[in-house]
C-alpha atoms as a PDB file:
ATOM      1  CA  UNK A   1     102.783  73.517 105.954  1.00  0.00           C
ATOM      2  CA  UNK A   2     104.594  70.221 105.718  1.00  0.00           C
ATOM      3  CA  UNK A   3     102.818  67.462 103.870  1.00  0.00           C
ATOM      4  CA  UNK A   4     103.314  65.027 106.746  1.00  0.00           C
ATOM      5  CA  UNK A   5     102.104  67.395 109.479  1.00  0.00           C
ATOM      6  CA  UNK A   6      98.556  66.501 110.633  1.00  0.00           C
ATOM      7  CA  UNK A   7      96.187  69.419 110.259  1.00  0.00           C
ATOM      8  CA  UNK A   8      92.535  69.732 111.265  1.00  0.00           C
ATOM      9  CA  UNK A   9      90.228  72.607 110.304  1.00  0.00           C
ATOM     10  CA  UNK A  10      86.608  72.814 111.479  1.00  0.00           C
ATOM     11  CA  UNK A  11      83.876  74.941 109.880  1.00  0.00           C
ATOM     12  CA  UNK A  12      80.227  75.412 110.657  1.00  0.00           C
ATOM     13  CA  UNK A  13      78.112  77.061 107.962  1.00  0.00           C
ATOM     14  CA  UNK A  14      74.370  77.853 107.738  1.00  0.00           C
ATOM     15  CA  UNK A  15      72.240  75.645 105.549  1.00  0.00           C
ATOM     16  CA  UNK A  16      71.748  78.304 102.906  1.00  0.00           C
ATOM     17  CA  UNK A  17      73.034  78.150  99.365  1.00  0.00           C
ATOM     18  CA  UNK A  18      76.185  80.198  98.929  1.00  0.00           C
ATOM     19  CA  UNK A  19      77.804  79.229 102.223  1.00  0.00           C
ATOM     20  CA  UNK A  20      79.203  76.081 100.609  1.00  0.00           C
ATOM     21  CA  UNK A  21      81.753  78.409  98.980  1.00  0.00           C
ATOM     22  CA  UNK A  22      83.470  78.870 102.339  1.00  0.00           C
ATOM     23  CA  UNK A  23      84.082  75.125 102.531  1.00  0.00           C
ATOM     24  CA  UNK A  24      85.161  75.088  98.847  1.00  0.00           C
ATOM     25  CA  UNK A  25      87.715  77.837  99.432  1.00  0.00           C
ATOM     26  CA  UNK A  26      89.070  76.044 102.498  1.00  0.00           C
ATOM     27  CA  UNK A  27      89.340  72.785 100.514  1.00  0.00           C
ATOM     28  CA  UNK A  28      91.362  74.505  97.780  1.00  0.00           C
ATOM     29  CA  UNK A  29      93.720  76.182 100.218  1.00  0.00           C
ATOM     30  CA  UNK A  30      94.313  73.033 102.192  1.00  0.00           C
ATOM     31  CA  UNK A  31      94.757  70.882  99.052  1.00  0.00           C
ATOM     32  CA  UNK A  32      97.227  73.372  97.673  1.00  0.00           C
ATOM     33  CA  UNK A  33      99.224  73.486 100.885  1.00  0.00           C
ATOM     34  CA  UNK A  34      99.263  69.651 100.853  1.00  0.00           C
ATOM     35  CA  UNK A  35     100.874  69.725  97.381  1.00  0.00           C
ATOM     36  CA  UNK A  36      97.967  68.710  95.160  1.00  0.00           C
ATOM     37  CA  UNK A  37      97.864  69.859  91.562  1.00  0.00           C
ATOM     38  CA  UNK A  38      95.438  72.590  90.461  1.00  0.00           C
ATOM     39  CA  UNK A  39      93.239  69.942  88.823  1.00  0.00           C
ATOM     40  CA  UNK A  40      93.017  67.852  92.039  1.00  0.00           C
ATOM     41  CA  UNK A  41      92.356  71.030  94.069  1.00  0.00           C
ATOM     42  CA  UNK A  42      89.389  71.727  91.797  1.00  0.00           C
ATOM     43  CA  UNK A  43      88.214  68.086  92.049  1.00  0.00           C
ATOM     44  CA  UNK A  44      88.179  68.339  95.821  1.00  0.00           C
ATOM     45  CA  UNK A  45      86.497  71.741  95.757  1.00  0.00           C
ATOM     46  CA  UNK A  46      83.687  70.431  93.560  1.00  0.00           C
ATOM     47  CA  UNK A  47      83.216  67.289  95.665  1.00  0.00           C
ATOM     48  CA  UNK A  48      83.063  69.379  98.871  1.00  0.00           C
ATOM     49  CA  UNK A  49      80.572  71.755  97.247  1.00  0.00           C
ATOM     50  CA  UNK A  50      78.289  68.904  96.190  1.00  0.00           C
ATOM     51  CA  UNK A  51      78.456  67.291  99.638  1.00  0.00           C
ATOM     52  CA  UNK A  52      77.710  70.559 101.389  1.00  0.00           C
ATOM     53  CA  UNK A  53      74.792  71.372  99.076  1.00  0.00           C
ATOM     54  CA  UNK A  54      73.327  67.889  99.603  1.00  0.00           C
ATOM     55  CA  UNK A  55      73.674  68.322 103.386  1.00  0.00           C
ATOM     56  CA  UNK A  56      72.024  71.759 103.285  1.00  0.00           C
ATOM     57  CA  UNK A  57      69.199  70.784 100.978  1.00  0.00           C
ATOM     58  CA  UNK A  58      68.432  67.127 101.758  1.00  0.00           C
ATOM     59  CA  UNK A  59      69.793  66.795 105.280  1.00  0.00           C
ATOM     60  CA  UNK A  60      68.899  70.123 106.867  1.00  0.00           C
ATOM     61  CA  UNK A  61      66.087  71.115 104.497  1.00  0.00           C
ATOM     62  CA  UNK A  62      67.650  74.555 103.975  1.00  0.00           C
ATOM     63  CA  UNK A  63      66.970  75.537 107.623  1.00  0.00           C
ATOM     64  CA  UNK A  64      69.149  78.574 108.350  1.00  0.00           C
ATOM     65  CA  UNK A  65      69.018  77.616 112.034  1.00  0.00           C
ATOM     66  CA  UNK A  66      70.684  74.263 111.310  1.00  0.00           C
ATOM     67  CA  UNK A  67      74.378  74.273 110.419  1.00  0.00           C
ATOM     68  CA  UNK A  68      76.382  71.967 108.228  1.00  0.00           C
ATOM     69  CA  UNK A  69      79.582  71.021 110.019  1.00  0.00           C
ATOM     70  CA  UNK A  70      82.701  70.407 107.927  1.00  0.00           C
ATOM     71  CA  UNK A  71      85.944  68.990 109.218  1.00  0.00           C
ATOM     72  CA  UNK A  72      89.088  68.881 107.077  1.00  0.00           C
ATOM     73  CA  UNK A  73      91.957  66.556 108.102  1.00  0.00           C
ATOM     74  CA  UNK A  74      95.330  66.227 106.446  1.00  0.00           C
ATOM     75  CA  UNK A  75      97.021  63.029 107.493  1.00  0.00           C
ATOM     76  CA  UNK A  76     100.179  61.327 106.275  1.00  0.00           C
ATOM     77  CA  UNK A  77      98.863  60.203 102.897  1.00  0.00           C
ATOM     78  CA  UNK A  78      95.293  61.507 102.697  1.00  0.00           C
ATOM     79  CA  UNK A  79      93.134  64.567 102.925  1.00  0.00           C
ATOM     80  CA  UNK A  80      89.771  63.753 104.496  1.00  0.00           C
ATOM     81  CA  UNK A  81      86.680  65.944 104.582  1.00  0.00           C
ATOM     82  CA  UNK A  82      83.693  65.102 106.806  1.00  0.00           C
ATOM     83  CA  UNK A  83      80.379  66.805 106.131  1.00  0.00           C
ATOM     84  CA  UNK A  84      77.701  66.416 108.813  1.00  0.00           C
ATOM     85  CA  UNK A  85      74.065  67.387 108.721  1.00  0.00           C
ATOM     86  CA  UNK A  86      70.994  66.619 110.853  1.00  0.00           C
ATOM     87  CA  UNK A  87      69.278  64.416 108.256  1.00  0.00           C
ATOM     88  CA  UNK A  88      68.578  60.727 108.308  1.00  0.00           C
ATOM     89  CA  UNK A  89      70.830  59.933 105.372  1.00  0.00           C
ATOM     90  CA  UNK A  90      70.360  58.183 102.081  1.00  0.00           C
ATOM     91  CA  UNK A  91      67.586  55.559 101.925  1.00  0.00           C
ATOM     92  CA  UNK A  92      69.489  53.918  99.090  1.00  0.00           C
ATOM     93  CA  UNK A  93      72.338  54.743  96.774  1.00  0.00           C
ATOM     94  CA  UNK A  94      71.010  56.966  93.969  1.00  0.00           C
ATOM     95  CA  UNK A  95      70.821  55.398  90.543  1.00  0.00           C
ATOM     96  CA  UNK A  96      73.389  56.628  88.022  1.00  0.00           C
ATOM     97  CA  UNK A  97      72.031  59.896  86.639  1.00  0.00           C
ATOM     98  CA  UNK A  98      71.010  60.101  82.999  1.00  0.00           C
ATOM     99  CA  UNK A  99      72.380  63.138  81.136  1.00  0.00           C
ATOM    100  CA  UNK A 100      69.478  63.191  78.644  1.00  0.00           C
ATOM    101  CA  UNK A 101      66.979  63.600  81.513  1.00  0.00           C
ATOM    102  CA  UNK A 102      68.980  66.457  82.976  1.00  0.00           C
ATOM    103  CA  UNK A 103      69.127  68.186  79.566  1.00  0.00           C
ATOM    104  CA  UNK A 104      65.358  67.797  79.270  1.00  0.00           C
ATOM    105  CA  UNK A 105      65.065  69.422  82.706  1.00  0.00           C
ATOM    106  CA  UNK A 106      63.287  66.333  84.050  1.00  0.00           C
ATOM    107  CA  UNK A 107      62.259  67.018  87.639  1.00  0.00           C
ATOM    108  CA  UNK A 108      63.471  63.613  88.680  1.00  0.00           C
ATOM    109  CA  UNK A 109      66.957  64.015  87.127  1.00  0.00           C
ATOM    110  CA  UNK A 110      68.784  63.943  90.485  1.00  0.00           C
ATOM    111  CA  UNK A 111      71.768  62.038  91.785  1.00  0.00           C
ATOM    112  CA  UNK A 112      74.366  64.211  90.150  1.00  0.00           C
ATOM    113  CA  UNK A 113      75.963  65.363  93.385  1.00  0.00           C
ATOM    114  CA  UNK A 114      76.691  61.804  94.553  1.00  0.00           C
ATOM    115  CA  UNK A 115      77.814  60.831  91.096  1.00  0.00           C
ATOM    116  CA  UNK A 116      80.293  63.720  90.827  1.00  0.00           C
ATOM    117  CA  UNK A 117      81.677  63.157  94.383  1.00  0.00           C
ATOM    118  CA  UNK A 118      82.359  59.500  93.587  1.00  0.00           C
ATOM    119  CA  UNK A 119      84.151  60.393  90.325  1.00  0.00           C
ATOM    120  CA  UNK A 120      86.302  63.224  91.798  1.00  0.00           C
ATOM    121  CA  UNK A 121      87.772  61.706  94.967  1.00  0.00           C
ATOM    122  CA  UNK A 122      89.202  58.269  95.775  1.00  0.00           C
ATOM    123  CA  UNK A 123      86.581  57.321  98.325  1.00  0.00           C
ATOM    124  CA  UNK A 124      83.162  58.534  99.474  1.00  0.00           C
ATOM    125  CA  UNK A 125      81.607  57.021 102.578  1.00  0.00           C
ATOM    126  CA  UNK A 126      78.179  57.607 104.123  1.00  0.00           C
ATOM    127  CA  UNK A 127      77.064  56.834 107.647  1.00  0.00           C
ATOM    128  CA  UNK A 128      74.504  57.753 110.275  1.00  0.00           C
ATOM    129  CA  UNK A 129      75.872  59.236 113.459  1.00  0.00           C
ATOM    130  CA  UNK A 130      74.680  58.363 116.985  1.00  0.00           C
ATOM    131  CA  UNK A 131      73.439  61.915 117.619  1.00  0.00           C
ATOM    132  CA  UNK A 132      70.912  61.713 114.735  1.00  0.00           C
ATOM    133  CA  UNK A 133      72.633  62.962 111.728  1.00  0.00           C
ATOM    134  CA  UNK A 134      74.236  62.029 108.467  1.00  0.00           C
ATOM    135  CA  UNK A 135      77.940  62.024 107.703  1.00  0.00           C
ATOM    136  CA  UNK A 136      79.541  62.092 104.283  1.00  0.00           C
ATOM    137  CA  UNK A 137      83.306  61.447 104.246  1.00  0.00           C
ATOM    138  CA  UNK A 138      85.405  62.351 101.211  1.00  0.00           C
ATOM    139  CA  UNK A 139      88.890  60.916 100.974  1.00  0.00           C
ATOM    140  CA  UNK A 140      91.561  62.104  98.564  1.00  0.00           C
ATOM    141  CA  UNK A 141      94.976  60.487  98.395  1.00  0.00           C
ATOM    142  CA  UNK A 142      97.920  62.927  98.612  1.00  0.00           C
ATOM    143  CA  UNK A 143     100.558  60.744  96.974  1.00  0.00           C
ATOM    144  CA  UNK A 144      98.433  59.567  94.032  1.00  0.00           C
ATOM    145  CA  UNK A 145      99.777  60.329  90.591  1.00  0.00           C
ATOM    146  CA  UNK A 146      98.404  63.636  89.522  1.00  0.00           C
END
C-alpha cells in the first residue's frame, strides 16, 4: 500500500472483552503498511485497545447485542481511528490517574485508558453523535519523527 493512498477499513465487534484484539491487530497491520515504526505501531495498538475497552465497558455496558464500531482511515499525513459506542459519553475529562492508588487496588483508581490514549497518539477527540452515541477519535501523524 502506498503511504499517500487513502484507505478505509470498517469493523464492528461485540461489546465483550477480547474482541478489542481484532481492532488492535488491524491497527498494527495498517500502521505497519503506512510505514510506522514498531514502537508507533504498538502505541496505536494500545490506544485502540483502551478506546475499544472503554466503549465496550462504559458506553455499551458490555452488552453483547451492542457492537462497537471502529473505522480506520489512512489519509495523506495521518492515520485516524474512530471508535463509536451507544453511550452518552464522558461527563467530564477524568482526572489524571494516581499510580499509588492503582497499586493499592483502589476501586476508584480509574482514568488510565484515557490517560494512555492521550500519551500514545498525537490527538484524542471526544464527541456525541446525532444518533445517540459516543465517538472517540484517535489521530496519529504518519510523518512525525519516529
